[in-house]
Amino acid sequence: MSPLPERAAPRVEVHPDAHALATAIAGELLHRLSDAQAAGRTPHVVLTGGTIADAMHHELTRLAPASGVDLGEVELWFGDERFVGGEDADRNVGQVRRAFLDPAGVPARRVHAIPATEDASDVDAAAASYAQELAEHGPEEFDVVMFGVGPDGHIASLFPGFPQLAEETATVLGVRDAPKPPPERVTLTYPALRRARAVWFLVSGEGKAEAVAAAHAPGTTKEQIPAVGLTGTEDTRWFLDRDAASRL
């Protein structure tokens, strides 16, 4: 792979409330996808779960028909997944499927879901399987990687103090004993996630304000707040509502 270009300095974009935030993210994502397709490129996007992401996915479904984006020509990946049964309500892919994939008619062949418990013998086997899929079908560089941010500053299933933060080779790892349930998860790592044109953090609510402030404080490390370990090559953006931005 070619060397990575200069990283983009993070920007903060604050919206009045969660609904306005979700609409803005969806609109910006569709704009990015439209530009990529106009350039003759099949865009690759890393999706995330969570409350604000769910709202954004509903807005994607609403806005996509007028956008001109061909959703049948967008490759969709996941930054992490809970290692549970395929129909478990905790699965990120299930949440995204209900809000966006099914109502928007996204073809199943474009959705790269992380294996569930019935697809892999254990969490490490699931990680190895997804790493192979990423190696065979993934891009040189993702167009957009999106994250929710936990109150502890975690992104995907990269948690403060966990060994996955130090990984510099593997693109996907299993996680055991996660500090929030369910305890077993599969996550993309920094080596995979760093290869992104745009890195977006989607954060809503006063309960995330302390983590947002810590991420923007001088000297904060990724071991303390994993979100600070990632920037895009073209665009690094914190999409916040007023409550999430209240301590900046």
C-alpha atoms as a PDB file:
ATOM      1  CA  MET A   1       0.000   0.000   0.000  1.00  0.00           C
ATOM      2  CA  SER A   2       1.126   3.543  -0.679  1.00  0.00           C
ATOM      3  CA  PRO A   3       2.147   5.869   2.184  1.00  0.00           C
ATOM      4  CA  LEU A   4      -0.649   7.769   3.858  1.00  0.00           C
ATOM      5  CA  PRO A   5      -0.913  11.481   3.093  1.00  0.00           C
ATOM      6  CA  GLU A   6      -0.969  14.251   5.676  1.00  0.00           C
ATOM      7  CA  ARG A   7      -3.763  13.911   8.215  1.00  0.00           C
ATOM      8  CA  ALA A   8      -6.657  16.373   8.292  1.00  0.00           C
ATOM      9  CA  ALA A   9      -6.949  18.561  11.407  1.00  0.00           C
ATOM     10  CA  PRO A  10     -10.195  17.836  13.306  1.00  0.00           C
ATOM     11  CA  ARG A  11     -13.135  20.208  12.915  1.00  0.00           C
ATOM     12  CA  VAL A  12     -16.124  20.600  15.216  1.00  0.00           C
ATOM     13  CA  GLU A  13     -19.626  21.099  13.826  1.00  0.00           C
ATOM     14  CA  VAL A  14     -22.389  21.822  16.356  1.00  0.00           C
ATOM     15  CA  HIS A  15     -26.107  21.439  15.624  1.00  0.00           C
ATOM     16  CA  PRO A  16     -29.084  22.544  17.728  1.00  0.00           C
ATOM     17  CA  ASP A  17     -30.414  19.112  18.653  1.00  0.00           C
ATOM     18  CA  ALA A  18     -30.193  15.411  17.851  1.00  0.00           C
ATOM     19  CA  HIS A  19     -32.663  15.570  14.967  1.00  0.00           C
ATOM     20  CA  ALA A  20     -30.832  18.411  13.244  1.00  0.00           C
ATOM     21  CA  LEU A  21     -27.571  16.562  13.853  1.00  0.00           C
ATOM     22  CA  ALA A  22     -28.850  13.343  12.245  1.00  0.00           C
ATOM     23  CA  THR A  23     -30.162  15.231   9.223  1.00  0.00           C
ATOM     24  CA  ALA A  24     -26.881  17.086   8.733  1.00  0.00           C
ATOM     25  CA  ILE A  25     -24.807  13.894   8.897  1.00  0.00           C
ATOM     26  CA  ALA A  26     -27.071  12.082   6.450  1.00  0.00           C
ATOM     27  CA  GLY A  27     -26.947  14.993   4.009  1.00  0.00           C
ATOM     28  CA  GLU A  28     -23.173  15.251   4.205  1.00  0.00           C
ATOM     29  CA  LEU A  29     -22.760  11.504   3.723  1.00  0.00           C
ATOM     30  CA  LEU A  30     -24.951  11.525   0.614  1.00  0.00           C
ATOM     31  CA  HIS A  31     -22.918  14.450  -0.720  1.00  0.00           C
ATOM     32  CA  ARG A  32     -19.711  12.467  -0.224  1.00  0.00           C
ATOM     33  CA  LEU A  33     -21.171   9.403  -1.898  1.00  0.00           C
ATOM     34  CA  SER A  34     -22.406  11.465  -4.835  1.00  0.00           C
ATOM     35  CA  ASP A  35     -18.975  13.009  -5.323  1.00  0.00           C
ATOM     36  CA  ALA A  36     -17.270   9.606  -5.216  1.00  0.00           C
ATOM     37  CA  GLN A  37     -19.653   8.138  -7.766  1.00  0.00           C
ATOM     38  CA  ALA A  38     -19.310  11.184 -10.006  1.00  0.00           C
ATOM     39  CA  ALA A  39     -15.553  10.579  -9.945  1.00  0.00           C
ATOM     40  CA  GLY A  40     -16.144   7.018 -11.144  1.00  0.00           C
ATOM     41  CA  ARG A  41     -15.350   5.411  -7.806  1.00  0.00           C
ATOM     42  CA  THR A  42     -17.364   2.834  -5.859  1.00  0.00           C
ATOM     43  CA  PRO A  43     -17.445   4.364  -2.360  1.00  0.00           C
ATOM     44  CA  HIS A  44     -16.740   2.283   0.729  1.00  0.00           C
ATOM     45  CA  VAL A  45     -18.282   3.395   4.037  1.00  0.00           C
ATOM     46  CA  VAL A  46     -17.823   2.079   7.579  1.00  0.00           C
ATOM     47  CA  LEU A  47     -21.093   2.247   9.518  1.00  0.00           C
ATOM     48  CA  THR A  48     -21.662   2.465  13.253  1.00  0.00           C
ATOM     49  CA  GLY A  49     -24.474   1.635  15.640  1.00  0.00           C
ATOM     50  CA  GLY A  50     -26.023   3.648  18.451  1.00  0.00           C
ATOM     51  CA  THR A  51     -28.866   6.090  18.999  1.00  0.00           C
ATOM     52  CA  ILE A  52     -27.672   9.008  16.900  1.00  0.00           C
ATOM     53  CA  ALA A  53     -26.501   6.657  14.138  1.00  0.00           C
ATOM     54  CA  ASP A  54     -29.955   5.063  14.099  1.00  0.00           C
ATOM     55  CA  ALA A  55     -31.550   8.488  13.670  1.00  0.00           C
ATOM     56  CA  MET A  56     -29.072   9.280  10.902  1.00  0.00           C
ATOM     57  CA  HIS A  57     -29.878   6.014   9.106  1.00  0.00           C
ATOM     58  CA  HIS A  58     -33.582   6.902   9.132  1.00  0.00           C
ATOM     59  CA  GLU A  59     -32.674  10.277   7.620  1.00  0.00           C
ATOM     60  CA  LEU A  60     -30.524   8.553   4.976  1.00  0.00           C
ATOM     61  CA  THR A  61     -33.555   6.528   3.945  1.00  0.00           C
ATOM     62  CA  ARG A  62     -35.658   9.695   3.699  1.00  0.00           C
ATOM     63  CA  LEU A  63     -33.108  11.798   1.815  1.00  0.00           C
ATOM     64  CA  ALA A  64     -31.497   9.215  -0.472  1.00  0.00           C
ATOM     65  CA  PRO A  65     -34.153   9.139  -3.247  1.00  0.00           C
ATOM     66  CA  ALA A  66     -33.612  12.831  -4.089  1.00  0.00           C
ATOM     67  CA  SER A  67     -29.825  12.679  -3.762  1.00  0.00           C
ATOM     68  CA  GLY A  68     -28.964  10.962  -7.027  1.00  0.00           C
ATOM     69  CA  VAL A  69     -26.786   8.456  -5.149  1.00  0.00           C
ATOM     70  CA  ASP A  70     -26.956   4.880  -6.434  1.00  0.00           C
ATOM     71  CA  LEU A  71     -27.107   2.912  -3.181  1.00  0.00           C
ATOM     72  CA  GLY A  72     -26.632  -0.266  -5.172  1.00  0.00           C
ATOM     73  CA  GLU A  73     -23.088   0.891  -5.875  1.00  0.00           C
ATOM     74  CA  VAL A  74     -21.940   1.628  -2.318  1.00  0.00           C
ATOM     75  CA  GLU A  75     -19.979  -0.906  -0.255  1.00  0.00           C
ATOM     76  CA  LEU A  76     -20.968  -0.903   3.428  1.00  0.00           C
ATOM     77  CA  TRP A  77     -18.777  -2.186   6.258  1.00  0.00           C
ATOM     78  CA  PHE A  78     -19.004  -2.170  10.063  1.00  0.00           C
ATOM     79  CA  GLY A  79     -16.503  -0.763  12.530  1.00  0.00           C
ATOM     80  CA  ASP A  80     -17.482  -3.313  15.141  1.00  0.00           C
ATOM     81  CA  GLU A  81     -20.115  -5.837  16.062  1.00  0.00           C
ATOM     82  CA  ARG A  82     -21.365  -7.685  19.098  1.00  0.00           C
ATOM     83  CA  PHE A  83     -20.522 -11.396  18.898  1.00  0.00           C
ATOM     84  CA  VAL A  84     -24.044 -12.672  19.460  1.00  0.00           C
ATOM     85  CA  GLY A  85     -26.625 -14.543  17.394  1.00  0.00           C
ATOM     86  CA  GLY A  86     -27.473 -13.193  13.974  1.00  0.00           C
ATOM     87  CA  GLU A  87     -31.015 -12.208  15.000  1.00  0.00           C
ATOM     88  CA  ASP A  88     -30.000 -10.729  18.368  1.00  0.00           C
ATOM     89  CA  ALA A  89     -31.288  -7.190  18.924  1.00  0.00           C
ATOM     90  CA  ASP A  90     -27.790  -6.130  20.027  1.00  0.00           C
ATOM     91  CA  ARG A  91     -26.377  -6.600  16.521  1.00  0.00           C
ATOM     92  CA  ASN A  92     -25.444  -3.325  14.827  1.00  0.00           C
ATOM     93  CA  VAL A  93     -26.268  -4.750  11.417  1.00  0.00           C
ATOM     94  CA  GLY A  94     -29.829  -5.499  12.532  1.00  0.00           C
ATOM     95  CA  GLN A  95     -30.353  -1.918  13.685  1.00  0.00           C
ATOM     96  CA  VAL A  96     -28.966  -0.575  10.417  1.00  0.00           C
ATOM     97  CA  ARG A  97     -31.009  -3.038   8.375  1.00  0.00           C
ATOM     98  CA  ARG A  98     -34.272  -1.933   9.974  1.00  0.00           C
ATOM     99  CA  ALA A  99     -33.610   1.795   9.680  1.00  0.00           C
ATOM    100  CA  PHE A 100     -31.818   1.987   6.334  1.00  0.00           C
ATOM    101  CA  LEU A 101     -30.775  -1.114   4.412  1.00  0.00           C
ATOM    102  CA  ASP A 102     -34.198  -2.704   3.967  1.00  0.00           C
ATOM    103  CA  PRO A 103     -36.353   0.425   3.507  1.00  0.00           C
ATOM    104  CA  ALA A 104     -33.813   1.965   1.118  1.00  0.00           C
ATOM    105  CA  GLY A 105     -33.458  -1.264  -0.848  1.00  0.00           C
ATOM    106  CA  VAL A 106     -29.686  -1.639  -0.424  1.00  0.00           C
ATOM    107  CA  PRO A 107     -28.628  -4.920  -2.108  1.00  0.00           C
ATOM    108  CA  ALA A 108     -27.434  -7.595   0.312  1.00  0.00           C
ATOM    109  CA  ARG A 109     -24.270  -8.114  -1.752  1.00  0.00           C
ATOM    110  CA  ARG A 110     -23.123  -4.607  -0.773  1.00  0.00           C
ATOM    111  CA  VAL A 111     -23.422  -5.210   2.984  1.00  0.00           C
ATOM    112  CA  HIS A 112     -20.329  -6.691   4.637  1.00  0.00           C
ATOM    113  CA  ALA A 113     -21.638  -7.921   7.992  1.00  0.00           C
ATOM    114  CA  ILE A 114     -19.316  -9.205  10.711  1.00  0.00           C
ATOM    115  CA  PRO A 115     -19.938 -12.909  11.455  1.00  0.00           C
ATOM    116  CA  ALA A 116     -22.395 -13.856  14.195  1.00  0.00           C
ATOM    117  CA  THR A 117     -22.090 -16.765  16.635  1.00  0.00           C
ATOM    118  CA  GLU A 118     -23.647 -19.222  14.194  1.00  0.00           C
ATOM    119  CA  ASP A 119     -21.079 -18.227  11.552  1.00  0.00           C
ATOM    120  CA  ALA A 120     -17.864 -18.614  13.574  1.00  0.00           C
ATOM    121  CA  SER A 121     -16.622 -20.908  16.340  1.00  0.00           C
ATOM    122  CA  ASP A 122     -15.518 -18.043  18.582  1.00  0.00           C
ATOM    123  CA  VAL A 123     -14.829 -14.323  18.574  1.00  0.00           C
ATOM    124  CA  ASP A 124     -11.291 -14.758  17.249  1.00  0.00           C
ATOM    125  CA  ALA A 125     -12.496 -16.867  14.335  1.00  0.00           C
ATOM    126  CA  ALA A 126     -15.105 -14.213  13.545  1.00  0.00           C
ATOM    127  CA  ALA A 127     -12.378 -11.556  13.549  1.00  0.00           C
ATOM    128  CA  ALA A 128     -10.164 -13.646  11.268  1.00  0.00           C
ATOM    129  CA  SER A 129     -13.043 -14.195   8.854  1.00  0.00           C
ATOM    130  CA  TYR A 130     -13.831 -10.470   8.649  1.00  0.00           C
ATOM    131  CA  ALA A 131     -10.151  -9.627   8.238  1.00  0.00           C
ATOM    132  CA  GLN A 132     -10.030 -11.968   5.255  1.00  0.00           C
ATOM    133  CA  GLU A 133     -13.142 -10.371   3.728  1.00  0.00           C
ATOM    134  CA  LEU A 134     -11.619  -6.928   4.239  1.00  0.00           C
ATOM    135  CA  ALA A 135      -8.356  -8.033   2.610  1.00  0.00           C
ATOM    136  CA  GLU A 136     -10.146  -9.541  -0.378  1.00  0.00           C
ATOM    137  CA  HIS A 137     -12.883  -6.974  -0.960  1.00  0.00           C
ATOM    138  CA  GLY A 138     -11.968  -3.870   1.029  1.00  0.00           C
ATOM    139  CA  PRO A 139     -10.673  -0.618  -0.449  1.00  0.00           C
ATOM    140  CA  GLU A 140      -7.258   0.972  -0.424  1.00  0.00           C
ATOM    141  CA  GLU A 141      -8.962   3.779   1.485  1.00  0.00           C
ATOM    142  CA  PHE A 142     -12.478   4.071   2.937  1.00  0.00           C
ATOM    143  CA  ASP A 143     -14.428   7.111   1.796  1.00  0.00           C
ATOM    144  CA  VAL A 144     -16.077   7.667   5.194  1.00  0.00           C
ATOM    145  CA  VAL A 145     -15.615   5.971   8.564  1.00  0.00           C
ATOM    146  CA  MET A 146     -18.241   6.863  11.180  1.00  0.00           C
ATOM    147  CA  PHE A 147     -18.130   6.319  14.918  1.00  0.00           C
ATOM    148  CA  GLY A 148     -20.296   6.854  17.897  1.00  0.00           C
ATOM    149  CA  VAL A 149     -18.291   7.840  20.973  1.00  0.00           C
ATOM    150  CA  GLY A 150     -18.959   6.304  24.379  1.00  0.00           C
ATOM    151  CA  PRO A 151     -18.964   8.233  27.664  1.00  0.00           C
ATOM    152  CA  ASP A 152     -15.497   6.728  28.236  1.00  0.00           C
ATOM    153  CA  GLY A 153     -14.293   7.912  24.815  1.00  0.00           C
ATOM    154  CA  HIS A 154     -14.340   4.475  23.199  1.00  0.00           C
ATOM    155  CA  ILE A 155     -14.995   4.062  19.485  1.00  0.00           C
ATOM    156  CA  ALA A 156     -16.035   0.865  17.707  1.00  0.00           C
ATOM    157  CA  SER A 157     -14.991  -1.715  20.347  1.00  0.00           C
ATOM    158  CA  LEU A 158     -11.685  -0.032  21.119  1.00  0.00           C
ATOM    159  CA  PHE A 159     -11.895   0.650  24.858  1.00  0.00           C
ATOM    160  CA  PRO A 160      -9.554   2.671  27.105  1.00  0.00           C
ATOM    161  CA  GLY A 161      -6.836   0.494  28.575  1.00  0.00           C
ATOM    162  CA  PHE A 162      -7.541  -2.518  26.339  1.00  0.00           C
ATOM    163  CA  PRO A 163      -4.733  -4.244  24.418  1.00  0.00           C
ATOM    164  CA  GLN A 164      -6.418  -3.722  21.040  1.00  0.00           C
ATOM    165  CA  LEU A 165      -5.343  -0.061  21.215  1.00  0.00           C
ATOM    166  CA  ALA A 166      -1.713  -1.109  20.737  1.00  0.00           C
ATOM    167  CA  GLU A 167      -2.325  -3.261  17.652  1.00  0.00           C
ATOM    168  CA  GLU A 168      -0.297  -2.117  14.646  1.00  0.00           C
ATOM    169  CA  THR A 169      -0.684  -5.052  12.234  1.00  0.00           C
ATOM    170  CA  ALA A 170      -4.000  -6.921  12.398  1.00  0.00           C
ATOM    171  CA  THR A 171      -6.979  -5.138  10.846  1.00  0.00           C
ATOM    172  CA  VAL A 172      -9.661  -6.937  12.886  1.00  0.00           C
ATOM    173  CA  LEU A 173      -9.531  -8.343  16.423  1.00  0.00           C
ATOM    174  CA  GLY A 174     -11.781 -10.137  18.850  1.00  0.00           C
ATOM    175  CA  VAL A 175     -12.597  -8.448  22.158  1.00  0.00           C
ATOM    176  CA  ARG A 176     -13.424 -10.260  25.375  1.00  0.00           C
ATOM    177  CA  ASP A 177     -14.615  -8.821  28.700  1.00  0.00           C
ATOM    178  CA  ALA A 178     -15.758  -5.539  27.154  1.00  0.00           C
ATOM    179  CA  PRO A 179     -16.742  -3.033  29.854  1.00  0.00           C
ATOM    180  CA  LYS A 180     -20.231  -2.708  28.385  1.00  0.00           C
ATOM    181  CA  PRO A 181     -22.427  -5.667  27.453  1.00  0.00           C
ATOM    182  CA  PRO A 182     -22.322  -7.890  25.571  1.00  0.00           C
ATOM    183  CA  PRO A 183     -18.742  -8.739  26.577  1.00  0.00           C
ATOM    184  CA  GLU A 184     -17.607 -10.438  23.363  1.00  0.00           C
ATOM    185  CA  ARG A 185     -17.173  -8.256  20.290  1.00  0.00           C
ATOM    186  CA  VAL A 186     -15.315  -7.970  17.004  1.00  0.00           C
ATOM    187  CA  THR A 187     -13.682  -4.668  16.098  1.00  0.00           C
ATOM    188  CA  LEU A 188     -11.713  -3.057  13.322  1.00  0.00           C
ATOM    189  CA  THR A 189      -8.375  -1.761  14.606  1.00  0.00           C
ATOM    190  CA  TYR A 190      -6.434   1.451  14.083  1.00  0.00           C
ATOM    191  CA  PRO A 191      -4.443  -0.030  11.152  1.00  0.00           C
ATOM    192  CA  ALA A 192      -7.707  -0.595   9.256  1.00  0.00           C
ATOM    193  CA  LEU A 193      -9.539   2.525  10.390  1.00  0.00           C
ATOM    194  CA  ARG A 194      -6.691   4.923   9.659  1.00  0.00           C
ATOM    195  CA  ARG A 195      -7.126   4.299   5.937  1.00  0.00           C
ATOM    196  CA  ALA A 196     -10.023   6.702   5.526  1.00  0.00           C
ATOM    197  CA  ARG A 197     -10.562   9.868   3.558  1.00  0.00           C
ATOM    198  CA  ALA A 198     -13.091  11.073   6.132  1.00  0.00           C
ATOM    199  CA  VAL A 199     -13.365  10.162   9.821  1.00  0.00           C
ATOM    200  CA  TRP A 200     -16.564  11.365  11.483  1.00  0.00           C
ATOM    201  CA  PHE A 201     -17.533  11.195  15.142  1.00  0.00           C
ATOM    202  CA  LEU A 202     -21.302  11.329  15.727  1.00  0.00           C
ATOM    203  CA  VAL A 203     -22.083  12.438  19.271  1.00  0.00           C
ATOM    204  CA  SER A 204     -25.339  13.473  20.904  1.00  0.00           C
ATOM    205  CA  GLY A 205     -26.349  14.190  24.476  1.00  0.00           C
ATOM    206  CA  GLU A 206     -24.954  15.761  27.628  1.00  0.00           C
ATOM    207  CA  GLY A 207     -23.799  12.346  28.839  1.00  0.00           C
ATOM    208  CA  LYS A 208     -21.088  12.398  26.166  1.00  0.00           C
ATOM    209  CA  ALA A 209     -19.970  15.991  26.828  1.00  0.00           C
ATOM    210  CA  GLU A 210     -17.141  15.075  29.189  1.00  0.00           C
ATOM    211  CA  ALA A 211     -15.642  12.592  26.698  1.00  0.00           C
ATOM    212  CA  VAL A 212     -15.922  15.153  23.896  1.00  0.00           C
ATOM    213  CA  ALA A 213     -14.147  17.755  26.006  1.00  0.00           C
ATOM    214  CA  ALA A 214     -11.423  15.292  26.982  1.00  0.00           C
ATOM    215  CA  ALA A 215     -10.875  14.353  23.335  1.00  0.00           C
ATOM    216  CA  HIS A 216     -10.205  18.010  22.518  1.00  0.00           C
ATOM    217  CA  ALA A 217      -8.014  18.753  25.527  1.00  0.00           C
ATOM    218  CA  PRO A 218      -4.271  19.190  24.887  1.00  0.00           C
ATOM    219  CA  GLY A 219      -2.194  16.100  25.599  1.00  0.00           C
ATOM    220  CA  THR A 220      -5.025  13.550  25.637  1.00  0.00           C
ATOM    221  CA  THR A 221      -3.817  10.178  24.337  1.00  0.00           C
ATOM    222  CA  LYS A 222      -5.675   7.398  22.540  1.00  0.00           C
ATOM    223  CA  GLU A 223      -5.027   5.173  25.566  1.00  0.00           C
ATOM    224  CA  GLN A 224      -7.160   7.610  27.590  1.00  0.00           C
ATOM    225  CA  ILE A 225      -9.735   8.504  24.904  1.00  0.00           C
ATOM    226  CA  PRO A 226      -9.496   6.100  21.943  1.00  0.00           C
ATOM    227  CA  ALA A 227     -11.305   8.543  19.659  1.00  0.00           C
ATOM    228  CA  VAL A 228      -8.243  10.793  19.469  1.00  0.00           C
ATOM    229  CA  GLY A 229      -6.283   8.026  17.747  1.00  0.00           C
ATOM    230  CA  LEU A 230      -7.993   8.536  14.387  1.00  0.00           C
ATOM    231  CA  THR A 231      -8.046  11.258  11.758  1.00  0.00           C
ATOM    232  CA  GLY A 232      -8.967  11.199   8.085  1.00  0.00           C
ATOM    233  CA  THR A 233      -6.698  12.031   5.189  1.00  0.00           C
ATOM    234  CA  GLU A 234      -9.137  14.684   3.910  1.00  0.00           C
ATOM    235  CA  ASP A 235     -11.717  15.341   6.612  1.00  0.00           C
ATOM    236  CA  THR A 236     -11.856  14.737  10.367  1.00  0.00           C
ATOM    237  CA  ARG A 237     -15.059  16.010  11.882  1.00  0.00           C
ATOM    238  CA  TRP A 238     -16.886  15.932  15.184  1.00  0.00           C
ATOM    239  CA  PHE A 239     -20.629  16.177  14.500  1.00  0.00           C
ATOM    240  CA  LEU A 240     -22.156  17.284  17.820  1.00  0.00           C
ATOM    241  CA  ASP A 241     -25.431  18.555  19.144  1.00  0.00           C
ATOM    242  CA  ARG A 242     -25.407  21.398  21.663  1.00  0.00           C
ATOM    243  CA  ASP A 243     -25.601  19.087  24.647  1.00  0.00           C
ATOM    244  CA  ALA A 244     -22.586  17.020  23.527  1.00  0.00           C
ATOM    245  CA  ALA A 245     -20.654  20.238  22.876  1.00  0.00           C
ATOM    246  CA  SER A 246     -21.622  21.863  26.192  1.00  0.00           C
ATOM    247  CA  ARG A 247     -18.201  21.430  27.863  1.00  0.00           C
ATOM    248  CA  LEU A 248     -16.011  22.531  24.984  1.00  0.00           C
END
